[in-house]
Amino acid sequence: MALLRRVDLYLNNARTPGNVLLTSLTDGSAPAVPAWIEDDKFLLRLRFCDLAEAVGGKATPTALEDDNVIVLAGKKTRGTGARLFEAANFVKVTGAGGDVYYQTVLKLNTVPMGAAWGTGESQMTVYVDVEIQAPASDGGDEPDKLTYQFPVTIVRQSYDGDDSVAEEDVPSYPAAELLVMKAPVNGGYRFKSDGAGGLIFQLKNGTTGKFHAVFVDGEEGAEALTIGPGEV
């Protein structure tokens, strides 16, 4: 049985200073600063909540646009220094009663985290950014970004056991398949994941309605197009 614990964070869509996090869906007050243990690995669930309109009401989890991307990262000092941990590849989950959240696995046993501890330091404050990225509204190359920022306390483990295996630093940029351009409705092309972190460009057969990958083969100067098998 996997010992993967779960952490739920309720993000206030109003991003009110000092109240970026909510205690729960039924309690809109700011919670105590979250405390996480170094070297832990856990399932992280994010809910983006609209506050209740009436006092004592329940906050409403909201869904992001399908082309939005979530990137989470933590630093000991705002704006400078190494990213101590980060996560992307959030998966949207829709539950009962209108519940919707985005989850991923967050690992705190990273090389930068291990190097960030000061001599004799038993806990430290880390500033966490949850950044929402969307296609540029001004037509430029840089995506639109909206950030929720809040502090988290990282506490050292109390035992002096074997060190956990350090994770390699993960690029902050989301995987390619998460940034793929949406295919137009009834369009003649699409991009599809190749299952290995890359993308394949496909064209639609106007007769069968199936999509085919297009490849270039042959020696230089004698290239020819090859059409892959049809896919739905």
Protein backbone atom coordinates (compact mmCIF):
# COMPACT_ATOMS: atom_id res chain seq x y z
CA MET A 1 0.00 0.00 0.00
CA ALA A 2 1.47 3.36 -1.05
CA LEU A 3 2.09 5.85 1.76
CA LEU A 4 1.32 8.88 -0.36
CA ARG A 5 -0.42 11.49 1.75
CA ARG A 6 -2.58 14.26 0.32
CA VAL A 7 -2.40 18.01 0.79
CA ASP A 8 -5.35 20.17 -0.25
CA LEU A 9 -4.87 23.90 -0.87
CA TYR A 10 -7.81 26.25 -1.40
CA LEU A 11 -6.72 29.28 -3.45
CA ASN A 12 -8.75 32.48 -3.23
CA ASN A 13 -9.49 33.73 -6.76
CA ALA A 14 -9.65 37.28 -5.35
CA ARG A 15 -6.00 36.86 -4.24
CA THR A 16 -6.68 39.04 -1.20
CA PRO A 17 -3.40 40.01 0.51
CA GLY A 18 -3.01 37.89 3.64
CA ASN A 19 -5.88 35.65 2.52
CA VAL A 20 -4.57 34.07 -0.68
CA LEU A 21 -5.32 30.69 0.89
CA LEU A 22 -8.67 29.71 2.39
CA THR A 23 -9.00 27.34 5.33
CA SER A 24 -11.59 25.24 3.48
CA LEU A 25 -14.59 25.56 1.19
CA THR A 26 -16.76 26.34 4.21
CA ASP A 27 -14.27 28.61 6.00
CA GLY A 28 -13.06 31.59 4.01
CA SER A 29 -10.63 32.80 6.65
CA ALA A 30 -6.87 32.57 6.20
CA PRO A 31 -5.46 29.29 7.56
CA ALA A 32 -2.30 28.82 9.57
CA VAL A 33 0.82 28.77 7.40
CA PRO A 34 1.07 25.27 5.89
CA ALA A 35 3.88 23.17 7.38
CA TRP A 36 5.56 20.55 5.19
CA ILE A 37 8.36 18.15 6.14
CA GLU A 38 11.65 18.07 4.23
CA ASP A 39 12.12 15.06 1.93
CA ASP A 40 8.39 14.35 1.82
CA LYS A 41 6.61 13.37 -1.38
CA PHE A 42 2.85 13.82 -1.52
CA LEU A 43 -0.21 14.30 -3.68
CA LEU A 44 -1.00 18.01 -3.98
CA ARG A 45 -4.51 19.18 -4.87
CA LEU A 46 -5.25 22.79 -5.81
CA ARG A 47 -8.73 24.28 -5.83
CA PHE A 48 -9.25 27.76 -7.31
CA CYS A 49 -12.19 29.15 -5.36
CA ASP A 50 -14.69 31.96 -5.73
CA LEU A 51 -15.66 33.25 -2.28
CA ALA A 52 -19.17 32.72 -0.99
CA GLU A 53 -21.53 35.63 -1.70
CA ALA A 54 -23.28 35.33 1.67
CA VAL A 55 -21.75 35.18 5.14
CA GLY A 56 -21.45 31.56 6.20
CA GLY A 57 -21.81 30.35 2.62
CA LYS A 58 -19.60 27.89 0.80
CA ALA A 59 -16.82 28.83 -1.60
CA THR A 60 -17.11 27.48 -5.14
CA PRO A 61 -14.25 25.62 -6.85
CA THR A 62 -13.79 26.89 -10.41
CA ALA A 63 -12.31 25.34 -13.53
CA LEU A 64 -9.51 26.91 -15.55
CA GLU A 65 -9.66 27.22 -19.32
CA ASP A 66 -8.50 24.07 -21.12
CA ASP A 67 -5.46 25.84 -22.58
CA ASN A 68 -4.24 27.11 -19.20
CA VAL A 69 -1.12 25.59 -17.62
CA ILE A 70 -0.26 25.47 -13.90
CA VAL A 71 3.34 25.77 -12.69
CA LEU A 72 4.26 25.67 -8.99
CA ALA A 73 7.66 26.61 -7.55
CA GLY A 74 9.12 27.52 -4.15
CA LYS A 75 12.05 29.78 -3.19
CA LYS A 76 13.61 30.74 0.14
CA THR A 77 14.07 34.34 -1.00
CA ARG A 78 11.59 36.09 -3.27
CA GLY A 79 12.98 36.78 -6.74
CA THR A 80 16.47 35.37 -6.18
CA GLY A 81 18.17 32.08 -5.49
CA ALA A 82 17.48 28.56 -6.62
CA ARG A 83 14.06 27.01 -6.99
CA LEU A 84 13.92 24.60 -4.06
CA PHE A 85 11.11 22.53 -5.52
CA GLU A 86 8.63 22.78 -8.36
CA ALA A 87 5.82 20.89 -10.03
CA ALA A 88 3.87 20.98 -13.27
CA ASN A 89 1.83 18.35 -15.12
CA PHE A 90 -1.27 19.08 -13.05
CA VAL A 91 -4.25 16.92 -13.94
CA LYS A 92 -7.81 18.25 -13.79
CA VAL A 93 -10.19 16.14 -11.69
CA THR A 94 -13.94 16.70 -11.55
CA GLY A 95 -15.70 15.31 -8.50
CA ALA A 96 -19.22 15.09 -7.18
CA GLY A 97 -21.32 18.15 -6.40
CA GLY A 98 -19.45 20.49 -8.73
CA ASP A 99 -16.06 19.89 -7.13
CA VAL A 100 -13.07 20.47 -9.41
CA TYR A 101 -9.39 20.45 -8.52
CA TYR A 102 -5.96 20.08 -10.11
CA GLN A 103 -3.52 17.54 -8.74
CA THR A 104 0.09 16.47 -9.14
CA VAL A 105 2.79 14.82 -7.03
CA LEU A 106 5.11 17.25 -5.23
CA LYS A 107 8.58 16.10 -4.16
CA LEU A 108 10.53 18.05 -1.55
CA ASN A 109 13.62 15.82 -1.58
CA THR A 110 15.56 17.91 -4.10
CA VAL A 111 19.22 18.87 -4.27
CA PRO A 112 18.52 22.64 -3.94
CA MET A 113 16.32 21.99 -0.90
CA GLY A 114 19.12 20.10 0.83
CA ALA A 115 21.58 22.90 0.10
CA ALA A 116 19.26 25.67 1.35
CA TRP A 117 19.46 24.79 5.05
CA GLY A 118 21.53 27.12 7.21
CA THR A 119 23.73 25.84 10.01
CA GLY A 120 21.55 24.75 12.92
CA GLU A 121 18.37 25.72 11.06
CA SER A 122 15.42 23.50 12.01
CA GLN A 123 12.79 25.17 9.82
CA MET A 124 12.59 27.78 7.09
CA THR A 125 9.99 29.84 5.31
CA VAL A 126 9.61 29.16 1.60
CA TYR A 127 7.57 31.41 -0.69
CA VAL A 128 5.43 29.38 -3.07
CA ASP A 129 4.19 30.69 -6.41
CA VAL A 130 1.29 29.00 -8.18
CA GLU A 131 1.41 30.50 -11.65
CA ILE A 132 -1.36 30.15 -14.22
CA GLN A 133 -0.14 30.53 -17.80
CA ALA A 134 -2.47 31.21 -20.75
CA PRO A 135 -1.97 32.05 -24.44
CA ALA A 136 -0.88 35.66 -24.90
CA SER A 137 -3.87 37.99 -25.14
CA ASP A 138 -1.76 40.61 -26.93
CA GLY A 139 -0.67 38.26 -29.70
CA GLY A 140 2.93 38.13 -28.44
CA ASP A 141 5.16 35.15 -27.71
CA GLU A 142 5.10 35.46 -23.92
CA PRO A 143 2.05 33.86 -22.30
CA ASP A 144 -0.28 35.72 -19.96
CA LYS A 145 0.49 34.91 -16.32
CA LEU A 146 -1.43 35.17 -13.05
CA THR A 147 0.29 34.24 -9.77
CA TYR A 148 -0.97 33.18 -6.35
CA GLN A 149 1.83 33.54 -3.74
CA PHE A 150 1.84 32.31 -0.15
CA PRO A 151 4.40 31.20 2.46
CA VAL A 152 4.99 27.61 3.55
CA THR A 153 7.07 26.45 6.52
CA ILE A 154 9.47 23.60 5.73
CA VAL A 155 10.43 21.64 8.85
CA ARG A 156 13.44 19.37 9.16
CA GLN A 157 12.91 15.71 9.94
CA SER A 158 13.59 14.84 13.57
CA TYR A 159 15.36 11.53 12.98
CA ASP A 160 18.94 11.11 11.77
CA GLY A 161 18.41 8.27 9.32
CA ASP A 162 19.63 7.65 5.82
CA ASP A 163 19.26 10.53 3.43
CA SER A 164 16.54 10.25 0.83
CA VAL A 165 17.60 9.94 -2.77
CA ALA A 166 17.84 13.49 -4.09
CA GLU A 167 15.74 14.28 -7.10
CA GLU A 168 17.28 16.00 -10.07
CA ASP A 169 16.23 19.57 -10.71
CA VAL A 170 13.14 19.56 -12.93
CA PRO A 171 12.80 22.19 -15.66
CA SER A 172 10.18 24.76 -14.77
CA TYR A 173 8.82 24.83 -18.30
CA PRO A 174 5.82 22.51 -18.68
CA ALA A 175 6.00 19.39 -20.83
CA ALA A 176 5.47 19.93 -24.55
CA GLU A 177 2.17 18.07 -24.64
CA LEU A 178 0.75 20.51 -22.07
CA LEU A 179 1.52 23.51 -24.31
CA VAL A 180 0.25 22.05 -27.59
CA MET A 181 -1.86 24.40 -29.69
CA LYS A 182 -5.53 23.43 -29.66
CA ALA A 183 -6.73 21.96 -32.95
CA PRO A 184 -9.51 24.00 -34.58
CA VAL A 185 -13.01 22.53 -34.58
CA ASN A 186 -13.44 20.51 -37.80
CA GLY A 187 -9.92 21.64 -38.75
CA GLY A 188 -7.53 19.95 -41.13
CA TYR A 189 -4.59 19.48 -38.76
CA ARG A 190 -3.65 18.69 -35.19
CA PHE A 191 -0.66 18.04 -32.91
CA LYS A 192 -0.56 14.79 -30.99
CA SER A 193 1.73 13.55 -28.21
CA ASP A 194 4.21 10.87 -29.29
CA GLY A 195 4.14 9.41 -25.77
CA ALA A 196 7.76 10.38 -25.13
CA GLY A 197 7.40 14.08 -24.32
CA GLY A 198 7.32 15.20 -27.96
CA LEU A 199 4.68 16.12 -30.51
CA ILE A 200 3.65 14.77 -33.91
CA PHE A 201 2.06 16.96 -36.60
CA GLN A 202 -0.88 15.30 -38.39
CA LEU A 203 -3.02 16.26 -41.38
CA LYS A 204 -6.65 15.28 -41.87
CA ASN A 205 -7.85 13.14 -44.77
CA GLY A 206 -10.88 14.99 -46.11
CA THR A 207 -12.39 11.76 -47.39
CA THR A 208 -12.01 9.41 -44.41
CA GLY A 209 -11.83 12.03 -41.66
CA LYS A 210 -8.76 10.31 -40.18
CA PHE A 211 -5.51 12.05 -39.30
CA HIS A 212 -2.11 11.06 -40.75
CA ALA A 213 1.40 11.91 -39.59
CA VAL A 214 3.64 13.39 -42.30
CA PHE A 215 7.33 12.44 -42.53
CA VAL A 216 10.19 13.42 -44.82
CA ASP A 217 12.39 10.53 -46.07
CA GLY A 218 15.22 10.13 -48.53
CA GLU A 219 18.72 11.41 -49.16
CA GLU A 220 19.37 15.14 -49.41
CA GLY A 221 18.11 16.43 -52.75
CA ALA A 222 15.85 13.42 -53.20
CA GLU A 223 13.47 13.85 -50.31
CA ALA A 224 9.93 12.50 -50.46
CA LEU A 225 6.92 12.81 -48.18
CA THR A 226 5.68 9.69 -46.40
CA ILE A 227 2.14 9.48 -45.01
CA GLY A 228 1.60 7.50 -41.82
CA PRO A 229 -1.45 5.30 -41.07
CA GLY A 230 -4.79 6.92 -40.37
CA GLU A 231 -5.81 7.62 -36.79
CA VAL A 232 -9.11 8.73 -35.38
